[in-house]
């Protein structure tokens, strides 16, 4: 009876659970999806980004799934630099580019 739960062998049950977890993960971008931004309380950032007042300065994996041999990034976080106007953003981006700053 050990290794058999409700007629399903243990390895098959584990594999089924892993597949369900991986397929149930919804890729959602708070930068480009208004509904997702609202869900994660990041609507202000969404509106700044969608109005092109920000640019990306970096990214990293903020949520990982690690099951030994299976490693998957569930959510990527981005770091933005935002400005009050498009002119200010363009001015700073161009100045940094001409000065050789990252």
PDB file of N, CA and C in Angstrom:
ATOM      1  N   UNK A   1       0.809  -1.187   0.000  1.00  0.00           N
ATOM      2  CA  UNK A   1       0.000   0.000   0.000  1.00  0.00           C
ATOM      3  C   UNK A   1       0.858   1.259   0.000  1.00  0.00           C
ATOM      4  N   UNK A   2       2.080   1.177   0.552  1.00  0.00           N
ATOM      5  CA  UNK A   2       2.978   2.325   0.510  1.00  0.00           C
ATOM      6  C   UNK A   2       3.392   2.541  -0.938  1.00  0.00           C
ATOM      7  N   UNK A   3       3.383   3.795  -1.399  1.00  0.00           N
ATOM      8  CA  UNK A   3       3.722   4.099  -2.783  1.00  0.00           C
ATOM      9  C   UNK A   3       2.508   4.014  -3.698  1.00  0.00           C
ATOM     10  N   UNK A   4       1.353   3.722  -3.152  1.00  0.00           N
ATOM     11  CA  UNK A   4       0.160   3.639  -3.972  1.00  0.00           C
ATOM     12  C   UNK A   4      -0.951   4.413  -3.254  1.00  0.00           C
ATOM     13  N   UNK A   5      -1.353   5.526  -3.804  1.00  0.00           N
ATOM     14  CA  UNK A   5      -2.350   6.383  -3.187  1.00  0.00           C
ATOM     15  C   UNK A   5      -3.528   6.517  -4.130  1.00  0.00           C
ATOM     16  N   UNK A   6      -4.658   5.982  -3.719  1.00  0.00           N
ATOM     17  CA  UNK A   6      -5.868   6.001  -4.523  1.00  0.00           C
ATOM     18  C   UNK A   6      -5.646   5.385  -5.906  1.00  0.00           C
ATOM     19  N   UNK A   7      -4.919   4.297  -5.939  1.00  0.00           N
ATOM     20  CA  UNK A   7      -4.715   3.575  -7.184  1.00  0.00           C
ATOM     21  C   UNK A   7      -3.632   4.149  -8.078  1.00  0.00           C
ATOM     22  N   UNK A   8      -2.927   5.188  -7.649  1.00  0.00           N
ATOM     23  CA  UNK A   8      -1.893   5.798  -8.475  1.00  0.00           C
ATOM     24  C   UNK A   8      -0.531   5.545  -7.839  1.00  0.00           C
ATOM     25  N   UNK A   9       0.425   4.970  -8.564  1.00  0.00           N
ATOM     26  CA  UNK A   9       1.763   4.762  -8.007  1.00  0.00           C
ATOM     27  C   UNK A   9       2.408   6.091  -7.609  1.00  0.00           C
ATOM     28  N   UNK A  10       3.247   6.065  -6.600  1.00  0.00           N
ATOM     29  CA  UNK A  10       3.872   7.272  -6.061  1.00  0.00           C
ATOM     30  C   UNK A  10       4.641   8.063  -7.117  1.00  0.00           C
ATOM     31  N   UNK A  11       5.515   7.451  -7.944  1.00  0.00           N
ATOM     32  CA  UNK A  11       6.233   8.253  -8.945  1.00  0.00           C
ATOM     33  C   UNK A  11       5.286   8.958  -9.932  1.00  0.00           C
ATOM     34  N   UNK A  12       4.203   8.290 -10.325  1.00  0.00           N
ATOM     35  CA  UNK A  12       3.248   8.906 -11.245  1.00  0.00           C
ATOM     36  C   UNK A  12       2.527  10.068 -10.572  1.00  0.00           C
ATOM     37  N   UNK A  13       2.229   9.917  -9.277  1.00  0.00           N
ATOM     38  CA  UNK A  13       1.558  10.973  -8.538  1.00  0.00           C
ATOM     39  C   UNK A  13       2.476  12.195  -8.410  1.00  0.00           C
ATOM     40  N   UNK A  14       3.745  11.965  -8.127  1.00  0.00           N
ATOM     41  CA  UNK A  14       4.711  13.063  -8.002  1.00  0.00           C
ATOM     42  C   UNK A  14       4.868  13.769  -9.341  1.00  0.00           C
ATOM     43  N   UNK A  15       5.014  13.002 -10.414  1.00  0.00           N
ATOM     44  CA  UNK A  15       5.163  13.589 -11.743  1.00  0.00           C
ATOM     45  C   UNK A  15       3.931  14.399 -12.118  1.00  0.00           C
ATOM     46  N   UNK A  16       2.758  13.878 -11.817  1.00  0.00           N
ATOM     47  CA  UNK A  16       1.517  14.579 -12.115  1.00  0.00           C
ATOM     48  C   UNK A  16       1.430  15.892 -11.352  1.00  0.00           C
ATOM     49  N   UNK A  17       1.827  15.880 -10.097  1.00  0.00           N
ATOM     50  CA  UNK A  17       1.800  17.089  -9.277  1.00  0.00           C
ATOM     51  C   UNK A  17       2.767  18.131  -9.815  1.00  0.00           C
ATOM     52  N   UNK A  18       3.958  17.715 -10.206  1.00  0.00           N
ATOM     53  CA  UNK A  18       4.953  18.640 -10.756  1.00  0.00           C
ATOM     54  C   UNK A  18       4.429  19.278 -12.038  1.00  0.00           C
ATOM     55  N   UNK A  19       3.850  18.467 -12.901  1.00  0.00           N
ATOM     56  CA  UNK A  19       3.303  18.989 -14.161  1.00  0.00           C
ATOM     57  C   UNK A  19       2.190  19.988 -13.881  1.00  0.00           C
ATOM     58  N   UNK A  20       1.327  19.701 -12.914  1.00  0.00           N
ATOM     59  CA  UNK A  20       0.236  20.619 -12.570  1.00  0.00           C
ATOM     60  C   UNK A  20       0.772  21.945 -12.029  1.00  0.00           C
ATOM     61  N   UNK A  21       1.804  21.873 -11.209  1.00  0.00           N
ATOM     62  CA  UNK A  21       2.391  23.098 -10.653  1.00  0.00           C
ATOM     63  C   UNK A  21       2.982  23.951 -11.758  1.00  0.00           C
ATOM     64  N   UNK A  22       3.768  23.329 -12.631  1.00  0.00           N
ATOM     65  CA  UNK A  22       4.437  24.077 -13.696  1.00  0.00           C
ATOM     66  C   UNK A  22       3.426  24.671 -14.674  1.00  0.00           C
ATOM     67  N   UNK A  23       2.407  23.924 -15.042  1.00  0.00           N
ATOM     68  CA  UNK A  23       1.432  24.435 -16.004  1.00  0.00           C
ATOM     69  C   UNK A  23       0.455  25.433 -15.395  1.00  0.00           C
ATOM     70  N   UNK A  24       0.322  25.441 -14.079  1.00  0.00           N
ATOM     71  CA  UNK A  24      -0.605  26.381 -13.445  1.00  0.00           C
ATOM     72  C   UNK A  24       0.031  27.746 -13.220  1.00  0.00           C
ATOM     73  N   UNK A  25       1.329  27.864 -13.426  1.00  0.00           N
ATOM     74  CA  UNK A  25       2.024  29.125 -13.217  1.00  0.00           C
ATOM     75  C   UNK A  25       1.667  30.068 -14.362  1.00  0.00           C
ATOM     76  N   UNK A  26       1.132  31.202 -14.009  1.00  0.00           N
ATOM     77  CA  UNK A  26       0.732  32.181 -15.012  1.00  0.00           C
ATOM     78  C   UNK A  26       1.842  33.208 -15.138  1.00  0.00           C
ATOM     79  N   UNK A  27       2.363  33.325 -16.345  1.00  0.00           N
ATOM     80  CA  UNK A  27       3.339  34.376 -16.590  1.00  0.00           C
ATOM     81  C   UNK A  27       2.580  35.689 -16.721  1.00  0.00           C
ATOM     82  N   UNK A  28       2.907  36.613 -15.860  1.00  0.00           N
ATOM     83  CA  UNK A  28       2.180  37.864 -15.804  1.00  0.00           C
ATOM     84  C   UNK A  28       3.195  38.986 -15.677  1.00  0.00           C
ATOM     85  N   UNK A  29       3.071  39.987 -16.535  1.00  0.00           N
ATOM     86  CA  UNK A  29       3.991  41.114 -16.502  1.00  0.00           C
ATOM     87  C   UNK A  29       3.261  42.344 -15.980  1.00  0.00           C
ATOM     88  N   UNK A  30       3.715  42.838 -14.847  1.00  0.00           N
ATOM     89  CA  UNK A  30       3.092  44.039 -14.290  1.00  0.00           C
ATOM     90  C   UNK A  30       3.498  45.276 -15.079  1.00  0.00           C
ATOM     91  N   UNK A  31       4.452  45.121 -15.991  1.00  0.00           N
ATOM     92  CA  UNK A  31       4.888  46.253 -16.811  1.00  0.00           C
ATOM     93  C   UNK A  31       3.987  46.461 -18.013  1.00  0.00           C
ATOM     94  N   UNK A  32       3.426  45.393 -18.554  1.00  0.00           N
ATOM     95  CA  UNK A  32       2.665  45.512 -19.793  1.00  0.00           C
ATOM     96  C   UNK A  32       1.216  45.043 -19.679  1.00  0.00           C
ATOM     97  N   UNK A  33       0.830  44.505 -18.540  1.00  0.00           N
ATOM     98  CA  UNK A  33      -0.522  43.975 -18.368  1.00  0.00           C
ATOM     99  C   UNK A  33      -1.221  44.722 -17.228  1.00  0.00           C
ATOM    100  N   UNK A  34      -2.230  45.529 -17.575  1.00  0.00           N
ATOM    101  CA  UNK A  34      -2.918  46.348 -16.575  1.00  0.00           C
ATOM    102  C   UNK A  34      -3.586  45.503 -15.494  1.00  0.00           C
ATOM    103  N   UNK A  35      -4.223  44.393 -15.876  1.00  0.00           N
ATOM    104  CA  UNK A  35      -4.891  43.521 -14.910  1.00  0.00           C
ATOM    105  C   UNK A  35      -3.880  42.922 -13.927  1.00  0.00           C
ATOM    106  N   UNK A  36      -2.739  42.495 -14.446  1.00  0.00           N
ATOM    107  CA  UNK A  36      -1.691  41.925 -13.594  1.00  0.00           C
ATOM    108  C   UNK A  36      -1.115  42.992 -12.660  1.00  0.00           C
ATOM    109  N   UNK A  37      -0.907  44.201 -13.184  1.00  0.00           N
ATOM    110  CA  UNK A  37      -0.377  45.296 -12.366  1.00  0.00           C
ATOM    111  C   UNK A  37      -1.325  45.618 -11.218  1.00  0.00           C
ATOM    112  N   UNK A  38      -2.620  45.600 -11.504  1.00  0.00           N
ATOM    113  CA  UNK A  38      -3.615  45.858 -10.461  1.00  0.00           C
ATOM    114  C   UNK A  38      -3.605  44.745  -9.421  1.00  0.00           C
ATOM    115  N   UNK A  39      -3.477  43.501  -9.892  1.00  0.00           N
ATOM    116  CA  UNK A  39      -3.453  42.349  -8.989  1.00  0.00           C
ATOM    117  C   UNK A  39      -2.284  42.419  -8.017  1.00  0.00           C
ATOM    118  N   UNK A  40      -1.119  42.881  -8.475  1.00  0.00           N
ATOM    119  CA  UNK A  40       0.070  42.940  -7.632  1.00  0.00           C
ATOM    120  C   UNK A  40       0.298  44.328  -7.033  1.00  0.00           C
ATOM    121  N   UNK A  41      -0.730  45.200  -7.056  1.00  0.00           N
ATOM    122  CA  UNK A  41      -0.653  46.546  -6.480  1.00  0.00           C
ATOM    123  C   UNK A  41       0.501  47.365  -7.045  1.00  0.00           C
ATOM    124  N   UNK A  42       0.686  47.280  -8.355  1.00  0.00           N
ATOM    125  CA  UNK A  42       1.752  48.041  -9.006  1.00  0.00           C
ATOM    126  C   UNK A  42       1.186  48.867 -10.159  1.00  0.00           C
ATOM    127  N   UNK A  43      -0.017  49.385  -9.971  1.00  0.00           N
ATOM    128  CA  UNK A  43      -0.669  50.137 -11.043  1.00  0.00           C
ATOM    129  C   UNK A  43       0.057  51.433 -11.349  1.00  0.00           C
ATOM    130  N   UNK A  44       0.592  52.105 -10.325  1.00  0.00           N
ATOM    131  CA  UNK A  44       1.306  53.373 -10.553  1.00  0.00           C
ATOM    132  C   UNK A  44       2.515  53.133 -11.454  1.00  0.00           C
ATOM    133  N   UNK A  45       3.276  52.076 -11.163  1.00  0.00           N
ATOM    134  CA  UNK A  45       4.429  51.755 -11.993  1.00  0.00           C
ATOM    135  C   UNK A  45       3.997  51.413 -13.418  1.00  0.00           C
ATOM    136  N   UNK A  46       2.885  50.671 -13.531  1.00  0.00           N
ATOM    137  CA  UNK A  46       2.367  50.311 -14.852  1.00  0.00           C
ATOM    138  C   UNK A  46       2.055  51.565 -15.662  1.00  0.00           C
ATOM    139  N   UNK A  47       1.390  52.539 -15.035  1.00  0.00           N
ATOM    140  CA  UNK A  47       1.018  53.742 -15.769  1.00  0.00           C
ATOM    141  C   UNK A  47       2.249  54.547 -16.183  1.00  0.00           C
ATOM    142  N   UNK A  48       3.268  54.604 -15.335  1.00  0.00           N
ATOM    143  CA  UNK A  48       4.498  55.304 -15.704  1.00  0.00           C
ATOM    144  C   UNK A  48       5.197  54.605 -16.875  1.00  0.00           C
ATOM    145  N   UNK A  49       5.265  53.280 -16.796  1.00  0.00           N
ATOM    146  CA  UNK A  49       5.939  52.508 -17.844  1.00  0.00           C
ATOM    147  C   UNK A  49       5.160  52.578 -19.152  1.00  0.00           C
ATOM    148  N   UNK A  50       3.841  52.447 -19.090  1.00  0.00           N
ATOM    149  CA  UNK A  50       3.041  52.464 -20.314  1.00  0.00           C
ATOM    150  C   UNK A  50       3.050  53.844 -20.981  1.00  0.00           C
ATOM    151  N   UNK A  51       3.308  54.900 -20.217  1.00  0.00           N
ATOM    152  CA  UNK A  51       3.428  56.242 -20.785  1.00  0.00           C
ATOM    153  C   UNK A  51       4.853  56.570 -21.205  1.00  0.00           C
ATOM    154  N   UNK A  52       5.710  55.566 -21.179  1.00  0.00           N
ATOM    155  CA  UNK A  52       7.112  55.670 -21.614  1.00  0.00           C
ATOM    156  C   UNK A  52       7.899  56.709 -20.814  1.00  0.00           C
ATOM    157  N   UNK A  53       7.668  56.733 -19.509  1.00  0.00           N
ATOM    158  CA  UNK A  53       8.401  57.640 -18.635  1.00  0.00           C
ATOM    159  C   UNK A  53       9.532  56.929 -17.900  1.00  0.00           C
ATOM    160  N   UNK A  54       9.737  55.634 -18.185  1.00  0.00           N
ATOM    161  CA  UNK A  54      10.751  54.839 -17.483  1.00  0.00           C
ATOM    162  C   UNK A  54      11.588  54.056 -18.477  1.00  0.00           C
ATOM    163  N   UNK A  55      12.771  53.668 -18.030  1.00  0.00           N
ATOM    164  CA  UNK A  55      13.554  52.697 -18.792  1.00  0.00           C
ATOM    165  C   UNK A  55      14.142  51.669 -17.826  1.00  0.00           C
ATOM    166  N   UNK A  56      14.383  50.470 -18.360  1.00  0.00           N
ATOM    167  CA  UNK A  56      14.892  49.352 -17.546  1.00  0.00           C
ATOM    168  C   UNK A  56      16.373  49.558 -17.271  1.00  0.00           C
ATOM    169  N   UNK A  57      16.764  49.391 -16.010  1.00  0.00           N
ATOM    170  CA  UNK A  57      18.176  49.464 -15.652  1.00  0.00           C
ATOM    171  C   UNK A  57      18.710  48.115 -15.183  1.00  0.00           C
ATOM    172  N   UNK A  58      17.829  47.117 -15.023  1.00  0.00           N
ATOM    173  CA  UNK A  58      18.275  45.783 -14.632  1.00  0.00           C
ATOM    174  C   UNK A  58      17.114  44.833 -14.436  1.00  0.00           C
ATOM    175  N   UNK A  59      17.447  43.540 -14.359  1.00  0.00           N
ATOM    176  CA  UNK A  59      16.422  42.532 -14.097  1.00  0.00           C
ATOM    177  C   UNK A  59      17.047  41.357 -13.366  1.00  0.00           C
ATOM    178  N   UNK A  60      16.191  40.619 -12.636  1.00  0.00           N
ATOM    179  CA  UNK A  60      16.647  39.405 -11.960  1.00  0.00           C
ATOM    180  C   UNK A  60      15.441  38.524 -11.662  1.00  0.00           C
ATOM    181  N   UNK A  61      15.690  37.265 -11.413  1.00  0.00           N
ATOM    182  CA  UNK A  61      14.628  36.325 -11.076  1.00  0.00           C
ATOM    183  C   UNK A  61      14.254  36.546  -9.611  1.00  0.00           C
ATOM    184  N   UNK A  62      12.986  36.851  -9.370  1.00  0.00           N
ATOM    185  CA  UNK A  62      12.546  37.146  -7.999  1.00  0.00           C
ATOM    186  C   UNK A  62      11.830  35.972  -7.344  1.00  0.00           C
ATOM    187  N   UNK A  63      11.405  35.005  -8.142  1.00  0.00           N
ATOM    188  CA  UNK A  63      10.725  33.840  -7.596  1.00  0.00           C
ATOM    189  C   UNK A  63      11.127  32.618  -8.410  1.00  0.00           C
ATOM    190  N   UNK A  64      11.704  31.623  -7.741  1.00  0.00           N
ATOM    191  CA  UNK A  64      12.219  30.443  -8.427  1.00  0.00           C
ATOM    192  C   UNK A  64      11.528  29.174  -7.962  1.00  0.00           C
ATOM    193  N   UNK A  65      11.422  28.223  -8.881  1.00  0.00           N
ATOM    194  CA  UNK A  65      10.946  26.886  -8.561  1.00  0.00           C
ATOM    195  C   UNK A  65      12.153  25.973  -8.691  1.00  0.00           C
ATOM    196  N   UNK A  66      12.549  25.328  -7.602  1.00  0.00           N
ATOM    197  CA  UNK A  66      13.717  24.471  -7.608  1.00  0.00           C
ATOM    198  C   UNK A  66      13.324  23.099  -7.076  1.00  0.00           C
ATOM    199  N   UNK A  67      13.210  22.146  -7.989  1.00  0.00           N
ATOM    200  CA  UNK A  67      12.844  20.782  -7.616  1.00  0.00           C
ATOM    201  C   UNK A  67      13.989  19.811  -7.895  1.00  0.00           C
ATOM    202  N   UNK A  68      15.193  20.232  -7.597  1.00  0.00           N
ATOM    203  CA  UNK A  68      16.355  19.383  -7.853  1.00  0.00           C
ATOM    204  C   UNK A  68      16.847  19.573  -9.275  1.00  0.00           C
ATOM    205  N   UNK A  69      16.413  18.696 -10.174  1.00  0.00           N
ATOM    206  CA  UNK A  69      16.882  18.804 -11.559  1.00  0.00           C
ATOM    207  C   UNK A  69      16.069  19.822 -12.369  1.00  0.00           C
ATOM    208  N   UNK A  70      14.887  20.180 -11.905  1.00  0.00           N
ATOM    209  CA  UNK A  70      14.054  21.156 -12.592  1.00  0.00           C
ATOM    210  C   UNK A  70      14.186  22.498 -11.872  1.00  0.00           C
ATOM    211  N   UNK A  71      14.704  23.487 -12.604  1.00  0.00           N
ATOM    212  CA  UNK A  71      14.820  24.836 -12.066  1.00  0.00           C
ATOM    213  C   UNK A  71      14.154  25.769 -13.056  1.00  0.00           C
ATOM    214  N   UNK A  72      13.212  26.563 -12.555  1.00  0.00           N
ATOM    215  CA  UNK A  72      12.473  27.461 -13.426  1.00  0.00           C
ATOM    216  C   UNK A  72      12.260  28.787 -12.716  1.00  0.00           C
ATOM    217  N   UNK A  73      12.481  29.860 -13.450  1.00  0.00           N
ATOM    218  CA  UNK A  73      12.198  31.188 -12.918  1.00  0.00           C
ATOM    219  C   UNK A  73      10.707  31.437 -13.083  1.00  0.00           C
ATOM    220  N   UNK A  74      10.016  31.668 -11.971  1.00  0.00           N
ATOM    221  CA  UNK A  74       8.578  31.889 -12.014  1.00  0.00           C
ATOM    222  C   UNK A  74       8.233  33.350 -12.267  1.00  0.00           C
ATOM    223  N   UNK A  75       9.057  34.249 -11.787  1.00  0.00           N
ATOM    224  CA  UNK A  75       8.766  35.677 -11.919  1.00  0.00           C
ATOM    225  C   UNK A  75      10.064  36.450 -12.036  1.00  0.00           C
ATOM    226  N   UNK A  76      10.141  37.295 -13.048  1.00  0.00           N
ATOM    227  CA  UNK A  76      11.311  38.136 -13.258  1.00  0.00           C
ATOM    228  C   UNK A  76      10.987  39.538 -12.788  1.00  0.00           C
ATOM    229  N   UNK A  77      11.858  40.092 -11.982  1.00  0.00           N
ATOM    230  CA  UNK A  77      11.673  41.458 -11.499  1.00  0.00           C
ATOM    231  C   UNK A  77      12.561  42.404 -12.281  1.00  0.00           C
ATOM    232  N   UNK A  78      12.041  43.576 -12.579  1.00  0.00           N
ATOM    233  CA  UNK A  78      12.787  44.583 -13.327  1.00  0.00           C
ATOM    234  C   UNK A  78      12.967  45.815 -12.468  1.00  0.00           C
ATOM    235  N   UNK A  79      14.099  46.472 -12.643  1.00  0.00           N
ATOM    236  CA  UNK A  79      14.371  47.710 -11.933  1.00  0.00           C
ATOM    237  C   UNK A  79      14.318  48.836 -12.967  1.00  0.00           C
ATOM    238  N   UNK A  80      13.506  49.842 -12.673  1.00  0.00           N
ATOM    239  CA  UNK A  80      13.295  50.942 -13.597  1.00  0.00           C
ATOM    240  C   UNK A  80      13.780  52.253 -13.005  1.00  0.00           C
ATOM    241  N   UNK A  81      14.096  53.150 -13.888  1.00  0.00           N
ATOM    242  CA  UNK A  81      14.369  54.522 -13.519  1.00  0.00           C
ATOM    243  C   UNK A  81      13.287  55.344 -14.218  1.00  0.00           C
ATOM    244  N   UNK A  82      12.444  56.053 -13.439  1.00  0.00           N
ATOM    245  CA  UNK A  82      11.308  56.779 -13.992  1.00  0.00           C
ATOM    246  C   UNK A  82      11.489  58.283 -13.804  1.00  0.00           C
ATOM    247  N   UNK A  83      10.889  59.043 -14.725  1.00  0.00           N
ATOM    248  CA  UNK A  83      11.009  60.498 -14.727  1.00  0.00           C
ATOM    249  C   UNK A  83       9.625  61.128 -14.791  1.00  0.00           C
ATOM    250  N   UNK A  84       9.549  62.432 -14.521  1.00  0.00           N
ATOM    251  CA  UNK A  84       8.280  63.154 -14.520  1.00  0.00           C
ATOM    252  C   UNK A  84       7.777  63.471 -15.922  1.00  0.00           C
ATOM    253  N   UNK A  85       8.682  63.468 -16.909  1.00  0.00           N
ATOM    254  CA  UNK A  85       8.286  63.783 -18.277  1.00  0.00           C
ATOM    255  C   UNK A  85       9.133  62.982 -19.255  1.00  0.00           C
ATOM    256  N   UNK A  86       8.622  62.851 -20.484  1.00  0.00           N
ATOM    257  CA  UNK A  86       9.385  62.149 -21.525  1.00  0.00           C
ATOM    258  C   UNK A  86      10.650  62.930 -21.854  1.00  0.00           C
ATOM    259  N   UNK A  87      10.557  64.250 -21.845  1.00  0.00           N
ATOM    260  CA  UNK A  87      11.722  65.079 -22.136  1.00  0.00           C
ATOM    261  C   UNK A  87      12.842  64.821 -21.133  1.00  0.00           C
ATOM    262  N   UNK A  88      12.510  64.767 -19.848  1.00  0.00           N
ATOM    263  CA  UNK A  88      13.518  64.511 -18.816  1.00  0.00           C
ATOM    264  C   UNK A  88      14.157  63.133 -19.011  1.00  0.00           C
ATOM    265  N   UNK A  89      13.331  62.119 -19.320  1.00  0.00           N
ATOM    266  CA  UNK A  89      13.861  60.766 -19.550  1.00  0.00           C
ATOM    267  C   UNK A  89      14.822  60.762 -20.726  1.00  0.00           C
ATOM    268  N   UNK A  90      14.424  61.371 -21.842  1.00  0.00           N
ATOM    269  CA  UNK A  90      15.267  61.391 -23.042  1.00  0.00           C
ATOM    270  C   UNK A  90      16.553  62.168 -22.779  1.00  0.00           C
ATOM    271  N   UNK A  91      16.448  63.306 -22.101  1.00  0.00           N
ATOM    272  CA  UNK A  91      17.617  64.124 -21.794  1.00  0.00           C
ATOM    273  C   UNK A  91      18.636  63.342 -20.967  1.00  0.00           C
ATOM    274  N   UNK A  92      18.174  62.679 -19.922  1.00  0.00           N
ATOM    275  CA  UNK A  92      19.081  61.910 -19.054  1.00  0.00           C
ATOM    276  C   UNK A  92      19.675  60.722 -19.809  1.00  0.00           C
ATOM    277  N   UNK A  93      18.840  59.994 -20.577  1.00  0.00           N
ATOM    278  CA  UNK A  93      19.354  58.843 -21.340  1.00  0.00           C
ATOM    279  C   UNK A  93      20.437  59.272 -22.322  1.00  0.00           C
ATOM    280  N   UNK A  94      20.219  60.372 -23.019  1.00  0.00           N
ATOM    281  CA  UNK A  94      21.197  60.844 -23.997  1.00  0.00           C
ATOM    282  C   UNK A  94      22.470  61.346 -23.309  1.00  0.00           C
ATOM    283  N   UNK A  95      22.312  62.058 -22.208  1.00  0.00           N
ATOM    284  CA  UNK A  95      23.486  62.554 -21.477  1.00  0.00           C
ATOM    285  C   UNK A  95      24.328  61.389 -20.970  1.00  0.00           C
ATOM    286  N   UNK A  96      23.681  60.385 -20.398  1.00  0.00           N
ATOM    287  CA  UNK A  96      24.414  59.222 -19.898  1.00  0.00           C
ATOM    288  C   UNK A  96      25.126  58.505 -21.047  1.00  0.00           C
ATOM    289  N   UNK A  97      24.454  58.366 -22.180  1.00  0.00           N
ATOM    290  CA  UNK A  97      25.053  57.715 -23.332  1.00  0.00           C
ATOM    291  C   UNK A  97      26.268  58.455 -23.845  1.00  0.00           C
ATOM    292  N   UNK A  98      26.198  59.779 -23.922  1.00  0.00           N
ATOM    293  CA  UNK A  98      27.315  60.579 -24.411  1.00  0.00           C
ATOM    294  C   UNK A  98      28.476  60.608 -23.428  1.00  0.00           C
ATOM    295  N   UNK A  99      28.169  60.518 -22.134  1.00  0.00           N
ATOM    296  CA  UNK A  99      29.221  60.507 -21.117  1.00  0.00           C
ATOM    297  C   UNK A  99      29.817  59.124 -20.878  1.00  0.00           C
ATOM    298  N   UNK A 100      29.172  58.114 -21.457  1.00  0.00           N
ATOM    299  CA  UNK A 100      29.684  56.745 -21.319  1.00  0.00           C
ATOM    300  C   UNK A 100      29.265  56.053 -20.037  1.00  0.00           C
ATOM    301  N   UNK A 101      28.224  56.552 -19.379  1.00  0.00           N
ATOM    302  CA  UNK A 101      27.725  55.922 -18.161  1.00  0.00           C
ATOM    303  C   UNK A 101      26.735  54.809 -18.512  1.00  0.00           C
ATOM    304  N   UNK A 102      26.680  53.779 -17.690  1.00  0.00           N
ATOM    305  CA  UNK A 102      25.691  52.717 -17.969  1.00  0.00           C
ATOM    306  C   UNK A 102      24.281  53.174 -17.642  1.00  0.00           C
TER     307      UNK A 102
END
